[in-house]
C-alpha atoms as a PDB file:
ATOM      1  CA  MET A   1    -105.446 -42.492  48.782  1.00  0.00           C
ATOM      2  CA  ILE A   2    -102.178 -43.646  47.212  1.00  0.00           C
ATOM      3  CA  LYS A   3    -102.297 -44.909  43.635  1.00  0.00           C
ATOM      4  CA  SER A   4    -100.201 -47.894  42.687  1.00  0.00           C
ATOM      5  CA  PRO A   5     -97.389 -47.245  40.189  1.00  0.00           C
ATOM      6  CA  LEU A   6     -98.689 -50.262  38.270  1.00  0.00           C
ATOM      7  CA  VAL A   7    -101.631 -48.158  37.081  1.00  0.00           C
ATOM      8  CA  LYS A   8     -99.280 -46.383  34.653  1.00  0.00           C
ATOM      9  CA  LEU A   9     -98.174 -49.627  32.962  1.00  0.00           C
ATOM     10  CA  ALA A  10     -99.442 -50.251  29.450  1.00  0.00           C
ATOM     11  CA  ALA A  11    -100.552 -53.546  27.976  1.00  0.00           C
ATOM     12  CA  ASP A  12     -98.169 -56.443  27.528  1.00  0.00           C
ATOM     13  CA  PRO A  13     -96.789 -56.940  23.984  1.00  0.00           C
ATOM     14  CA  PHE A  14     -98.943 -60.062  23.638  1.00  0.00           C
ATOM     15  CA  GLU A  15    -102.094 -58.230  24.728  1.00  0.00           C
ATOM     16  CA  ILE A  16    -101.939 -54.984  22.756  1.00  0.00           C
ATOM     17  CA  SER A  17    -103.418 -54.948  19.270  1.00  0.00           C
ATOM     18  CA  LEU A  18    -101.305 -53.843  16.343  1.00  0.00           C
ATOM     19  CA  ASN A  19    -103.788 -51.047  15.665  1.00  0.00           C
ATOM     20  CA  ASP A  20    -103.544 -49.694  19.241  1.00  0.00           C
ATOM     21  CA  PHE A  21     -99.750 -49.867  19.160  1.00  0.00           C
ATOM     22  CA  TYR A  22     -99.696 -48.056  15.812  1.00  0.00           C
ATOM     23  CA  HIS A  23    -101.852 -45.229  17.200  1.00  0.00           C
ATOM     24  CA  LYS A  24     -99.582 -44.874  20.223  1.00  0.00           C
ATOM     25  CA  LEU A  25     -96.565 -44.631  17.916  1.00  0.00           C
ATOM     26  CA  GLN A  26     -98.278 -41.899  15.896  1.00  0.00           C
ATOM     27  CA  LYS A  27     -98.656 -39.729  19.020  1.00  0.00           C
ATOM     28  CA  THR A  28     -94.926 -39.454  19.717  1.00  0.00           C
ATOM     29  CA  THR A  29     -91.898 -37.975  17.994  1.00  0.00           C
ATOM     30  CA  ARG A  30     -89.325 -39.906  20.007  1.00  0.00           C
ATOM     31  CA  VAL A  31     -86.983 -42.458  18.479  1.00  0.00           C
ATOM     32  CA  ILE A  32     -88.373 -45.992  18.317  1.00  0.00           C
ATOM     33  CA  LYS A  33     -86.065 -47.505  20.940  1.00  0.00           C
ATOM     34  CA  GLN A  34     -87.149 -44.900  23.509  1.00  0.00           C
ATOM     35  CA  VAL A  35     -90.765 -45.690  22.693  1.00  0.00           C
ATOM     36  CA  LEU A  36     -90.207 -49.439  23.081  1.00  0.00           C
ATOM     37  CA  LEU A  37     -88.607 -48.857  26.491  1.00  0.00           C
ATOM     38  CA  ASP A  38     -91.457 -46.586  27.652  1.00  0.00           C
ATOM     39  CA  GLN A  39     -93.550 -48.793  29.935  1.00  0.00           C
ATOM     40  CA  SER A  40     -96.543 -46.455  29.592  1.00  0.00           C
ATOM     41  CA  ILE A  41     -96.767 -47.269  25.861  1.00  0.00           C
ATOM     42  CA  ILE A  42     -95.995 -50.982  25.921  1.00  0.00           C
ATOM     43  CA  SER A  43     -94.827 -52.891  28.972  1.00  0.00           C
ATOM     44  CA  GLY A  44     -92.319 -55.671  29.346  1.00  0.00           C
ATOM     45  CA  ILE A  45     -89.824 -54.745  26.641  1.00  0.00           C
ATOM     46  CA  GLY A  46     -86.459 -54.117  28.208  1.00  0.00           C
ATOM     47  CA  ASN A  47     -83.200 -52.986  26.671  1.00  0.00           C
ATOM     48  CA  ILE A  48     -82.164 -56.473  25.563  1.00  0.00           C
ATOM     49  CA  TYR A  49     -85.463 -57.152  23.759  1.00  0.00           C
ATOM     50  CA  ALA A  50     -85.488 -53.705  22.142  1.00  0.00           C
ATOM     51  CA  SER A  51     -81.962 -54.328  20.850  1.00  0.00           C
ATOM     52  CA  GLU A  52     -82.871 -57.809  19.598  1.00  0.00           C
ATOM     53  CA  ILE A  53     -85.838 -56.389  17.667  1.00  0.00           C
ATOM     54  CA  PHE A  54     -83.458 -54.131  15.748  1.00  0.00           C
ATOM     55  CA  VAL A  55     -80.889 -56.866  15.113  1.00  0.00           C
ATOM     56  CA  PHE A  56     -83.626 -59.177  13.837  1.00  0.00           C
ATOM     57  CA  SER A  57     -85.028 -56.520  11.521  1.00  0.00           C
ATOM     58  CA  LEU A  58     -81.566 -55.749  10.122  1.00  0.00           C
ATOM     59  CA  TYR A  59     -80.551 -59.333   9.421  1.00  0.00           C
ATOM     60  CA  SER A  60     -83.859 -60.977   8.510  1.00  0.00           C
ATOM     61  CA  SER A  61     -84.561 -61.539   4.870  1.00  0.00           C
END
């Protein structure tokens, strides 16, 4: 039986709780952008959105 590659996808950013996301971040030592691009941790965030998150956090006040 062949498993679908979609089984490895994590929850969408609008579906995952902040607590679950926090616990997933605690389990890794990778840099945050690599974690955001890892579809097994959180799905749907591509390079452009990961970059925009950083720009927003730098320039928001």
